[in-house]
């Protein structure tokens, strides 16, 4: 039986990730027992992107079984919504792990992860579903990472850190090591800005920036537009 693989999201990250998937499926694709698509929501504007066929999410979910999916979309809430749609339609998530990523001993990585090139996960790490680890990111020992967490490139997450669901860690951020009996904690939906150095717990839904990281407080008189 043929297996249909859909990578949902044909933007920048999707275009970076799909070659990793193609490489892992090379034998199946050559044997004709797998097909690979970019999948997008709504109307399909392009027939191909980077020579990969593009189909709508509705069309993908109407393909015969077996359908497997991953989601290369940075917005974690959108990832969760699409994952729920795909699960309910009977599709199965798969993970994409670069061949040169380093994953050491006694780790647990949930379904739907994307582990980009040059990522390192050391030992005794627990990671939830649909985790994104962009290039050169690092997760050290005894960390616990929730569902739909995003690491931008070159994040350094040292040991004994808890990161709750939907947190976003920006490019080049450094998270100080916690203690085995008192892990450093980044709360649900928190955002760590680019290059920030996190030395203390971050409450849920708070954005922090700088070194050391501190809450971002917007001036109500400044218009970002």
Protein backbone atom coordinates (compact mmCIF):
# COMPACT_ATOMS: atom_id res chain seq x y z
CA UNK A 1 0.00 0.00 0.00
CA UNK A 2 1.27 3.45 -0.92
CA UNK A 3 1.94 5.95 1.88
CA UNK A 4 1.25 9.64 1.29
CA UNK A 5 3.53 12.04 3.17
CA UNK A 6 2.42 15.64 3.59
CA UNK A 7 4.57 18.46 4.93
CA UNK A 8 2.10 21.17 5.88
CA UNK A 9 3.53 24.62 5.24
CA UNK A 10 5.44 25.60 2.09
CA UNK A 11 7.02 28.77 3.46
CA UNK A 12 10.62 29.33 4.42
CA UNK A 13 10.86 26.68 7.12
CA UNK A 14 8.98 24.13 5.04
CA UNK A 15 11.39 24.67 2.15
CA UNK A 16 14.30 24.12 4.52
CA UNK A 17 12.80 20.96 5.99
CA UNK A 18 11.38 19.05 3.04
CA UNK A 19 14.82 18.00 1.67
CA UNK A 20 15.44 16.24 5.01
CA UNK A 21 12.20 14.35 4.60
CA UNK A 22 12.94 13.48 0.97
CA UNK A 23 16.33 12.10 2.00
CA UNK A 24 14.80 9.87 4.67
CA UNK A 25 12.21 8.56 2.19
CA UNK A 26 14.58 8.09 -0.75
CA UNK A 27 14.20 4.31 -1.05
CA UNK A 28 10.42 4.40 -0.65
CA UNK A 29 10.08 7.17 -3.23
CA UNK A 30 12.26 5.34 -5.73
CA UNK A 31 10.26 2.15 -5.19
CA UNK A 32 7.02 4.00 -5.86
CA UNK A 33 5.51 3.08 -2.49
CA UNK A 34 5.48 6.65 -1.19
CA UNK A 35 4.46 10.07 -2.48
CA UNK A 36 5.58 13.37 -0.97
CA UNK A 37 3.67 16.66 -1.05
CA UNK A 38 3.78 20.17 0.23
CA UNK A 39 0.37 20.78 1.81
CA UNK A 40 -1.21 24.21 2.28
CA UNK A 41 -4.48 25.45 3.72
CA UNK A 42 -6.99 27.04 1.37
CA UNK A 43 -6.62 27.54 -2.35
CA UNK A 44 -3.45 26.23 -3.99
CA UNK A 45 -1.73 29.08 -5.85
CA UNK A 46 1.22 27.07 -7.20
CA UNK A 47 1.38 23.58 -8.62
CA UNK A 48 4.93 23.11 -7.36
CA UNK A 49 7.32 24.72 -4.88
CA UNK A 50 11.01 23.89 -5.34
CA UNK A 51 9.89 21.04 -7.63
CA UNK A 52 7.67 19.46 -4.95
CA UNK A 53 4.00 19.02 -5.76
CA UNK A 54 1.61 21.22 -3.76
CA UNK A 55 -1.91 20.19 -2.75
CA UNK A 56 -4.50 21.64 -0.40
CA UNK A 57 -5.02 20.30 3.09
CA UNK A 58 -8.53 19.18 2.15
CA UNK A 59 -7.19 17.22 -0.83
CA UNK A 60 -4.46 15.66 1.29
CA UNK A 61 -6.94 14.51 3.92
CA UNK A 62 -9.06 12.93 1.18
CA UNK A 63 -6.21 10.79 -0.14
CA UNK A 64 -6.47 7.06 0.52
CA UNK A 65 -4.83 5.68 3.63
CA UNK A 66 -2.10 5.69 4.67
CA UNK A 67 -1.51 9.43 5.22
CA UNK A 68 1.30 10.78 7.35
CA UNK A 69 1.88 14.43 8.18
CA UNK A 70 4.17 16.96 9.79
CA UNK A 71 3.74 20.71 10.17
CA UNK A 72 6.49 23.21 9.28
CA UNK A 73 4.67 26.29 10.57
CA UNK A 74 6.23 28.47 13.24
CA UNK A 75 3.01 29.60 14.92
CA UNK A 76 2.45 26.96 17.60
CA UNK A 77 -1.28 27.60 17.91
CA UNK A 78 -1.70 27.02 14.18
CA UNK A 79 0.39 23.84 14.48
CA UNK A 80 -1.92 22.59 17.22
CA UNK A 81 -5.08 23.40 15.25
CA UNK A 82 -3.81 21.69 12.09
CA UNK A 83 -2.52 18.68 14.01
CA UNK A 84 -5.93 18.25 15.61
CA UNK A 85 -7.60 18.43 12.19
CA UNK A 86 -5.24 15.83 10.74
CA UNK A 87 -5.60 13.46 13.69
CA UNK A 88 -9.40 13.63 13.51
CA UNK A 89 -9.20 12.82 9.78
CA UNK A 90 -7.24 9.65 10.52
CA UNK A 91 -3.76 10.87 9.51
CA UNK A 92 -0.67 9.89 11.50
CA UNK A 93 2.16 12.26 12.49
CA UNK A 94 5.78 11.48 11.71
CA UNK A 95 9.00 13.13 12.87
CA UNK A 96 11.73 14.62 10.69
CA UNK A 97 15.25 14.22 12.09
CA UNK A 98 18.30 15.40 10.16
CA UNK A 99 20.92 12.73 9.61
CA UNK A 100 23.62 14.87 11.23
CA UNK A 101 21.57 15.70 14.32
CA UNK A 102 23.02 14.21 17.51
CA UNK A 103 20.57 12.51 19.86
CA UNK A 104 22.27 10.74 22.74
CA UNK A 105 21.02 8.36 25.45
CA UNK A 106 17.69 7.85 27.20
CA UNK A 107 15.73 10.60 25.45
CA UNK A 108 12.01 10.70 24.71
CA UNK A 109 10.91 12.76 21.69
CA UNK A 110 7.20 13.08 20.92
CA UNK A 111 5.46 12.65 17.59
CA UNK A 112 5.71 15.29 14.89
CA UNK A 113 9.10 16.71 15.90
CA UNK A 114 11.33 18.52 13.42
CA UNK A 115 14.99 18.22 14.40
CA UNK A 116 17.02 20.29 11.96
CA UNK A 117 20.69 19.85 10.95
CA UNK A 118 23.37 20.24 13.62
CA UNK A 119 20.92 20.01 16.53
CA UNK A 120 22.15 18.23 19.66
CA UNK A 121 19.97 16.58 22.32
CA UNK A 122 22.13 15.07 25.04
CA UNK A 123 20.67 12.67 27.61
CA UNK A 124 17.55 12.03 29.71
CA UNK A 125 15.52 14.69 27.92
CA UNK A 126 11.72 14.49 27.58
CA UNK A 127 10.18 16.36 24.66
CA UNK A 128 6.49 16.60 23.78
CA UNK A 129 4.70 16.56 20.44
CA UNK A 130 5.42 18.81 17.43
CA UNK A 131 8.64 20.29 18.80
CA UNK A 132 10.66 22.43 16.38
CA UNK A 133 14.43 22.57 16.90
CA UNK A 134 16.00 24.76 14.25
CA UNK A 135 19.63 24.52 13.12
CA UNK A 136 22.42 24.45 15.72
CA UNK A 137 20.05 24.30 18.68
CA UNK A 138 21.07 22.41 21.82
CA UNK A 139 19.07 20.69 24.56
CA UNK A 140 21.06 19.45 27.55
CA UNK A 141 20.44 16.73 30.12
CA UNK A 142 17.29 16.36 32.20
CA UNK A 143 15.25 19.01 30.40
CA UNK A 144 11.50 18.62 30.03
CA UNK A 145 9.96 20.33 27.00
CA UNK A 146 6.22 20.46 26.39
CA UNK A 147 4.07 20.24 23.28
CA UNK A 148 4.28 22.70 20.37
CA UNK A 149 7.47 24.36 21.64
CA UNK A 150 9.65 26.20 19.12
CA UNK A 151 13.41 26.69 19.21
CA UNK A 152 14.72 29.18 16.64
CA UNK A 153 18.30 28.67 15.35
CA UNK A 154 21.19 28.39 17.81
CA UNK A 155 19.18 28.17 21.03
CA UNK A 156 21.27 26.89 23.95
CA UNK A 157 19.10 25.21 26.56
CA UNK A 158 21.24 23.97 29.42
CA UNK A 159 20.34 21.18 31.81
CA UNK A 160 17.47 20.89 34.28
CA UNK A 161 15.12 23.27 32.48
CA UNK A 162 11.35 22.91 32.11
CA UNK A 163 9.74 24.58 29.11
CA UNK A 164 5.95 24.43 29.03
CA UNK A 165 3.65 24.07 26.00
CA UNK A 166 3.67 26.69 23.23
CA UNK A 167 6.77 28.53 24.47
CA UNK A 168 8.92 30.20 21.80
CA UNK A 169 12.67 30.55 22.26
CA UNK A 170 14.28 33.07 19.89
CA UNK A 171 17.46 32.84 17.85
CA UNK A 172 20.65 32.66 19.89
CA UNK A 173 18.90 32.67 23.26
CA UNK A 174 20.73 31.04 26.17
CA UNK A 175 18.87 29.39 29.05
CA UNK A 176 20.87 29.00 32.25
CA UNK A 177 21.12 25.57 33.81
CA UNK A 178 18.67 24.84 36.59
CA UNK A 179 19.14 22.51 39.54
CA UNK A 180 17.96 18.93 39.77
CA UNK A 181 15.78 19.81 42.76
CA UNK A 182 14.82 23.24 41.42
CA UNK A 183 14.71 23.36 37.62
CA UNK A 184 14.55 26.68 35.83
CA UNK A 185 11.04 27.05 34.38
CA UNK A 186 9.72 28.81 31.29
CA UNK A 187 5.95 29.04 31.45
CA UNK A 188 3.16 28.23 29.01
CA UNK A 189 3.23 30.44 25.91
CA UNK A 190 6.21 32.49 27.10
CA UNK A 191 8.44 34.14 24.48
CA UNK A 192 12.20 34.48 24.87
CA UNK A 193 13.56 37.16 22.56
CA UNK A 194 16.50 36.85 20.19
CA UNK A 195 19.83 36.68 22.04
CA UNK A 196 18.24 36.82 25.49
CA UNK A 197 20.02 35.20 28.44
CA UNK A 198 17.49 33.56 30.75
CA UNK A 199 18.70 33.28 34.35
CA UNK A 200 15.36 33.14 36.21
CA UNK A 201 11.94 31.56 35.84
CA UNK A 202 9.64 33.14 33.25
CA UNK A 203 5.90 33.24 34.01
CA UNK A 204 3.34 32.01 31.47
CA UNK A 205 2.56 34.29 28.49
CA UNK A 206 5.38 36.72 29.30
CA UNK A 207 7.87 37.99 26.70
CA UNK A 208 11.44 38.59 27.88
CA UNK A 209 14.41 40.24 26.17
CA UNK A 210 18.00 41.18 26.94
CA UNK A 211 20.90 40.01 29.11
CA UNK A 212 19.84 39.14 31.71
CA UNK A 213 16.37 38.51 30.31
CA UNK A 214 13.69 40.85 31.63
CA UNK A 215 10.02 41.35 30.75
CA UNK A 216 9.29 43.43 27.67
CA UNK A 217 7.07 46.32 28.65
CA UNK A 218 5.65 48.17 25.67
CA UNK A 219 5.11 51.92 25.77
CA UNK A 220 1.36 52.36 25.06
CA UNK A 221 2.22 55.63 23.23
CA UNK A 222 4.43 53.86 20.66
CA UNK A 223 2.79 52.48 17.53
CA UNK A 224 4.62 49.43 16.16
CA UNK A 225 2.99 49.74 12.72
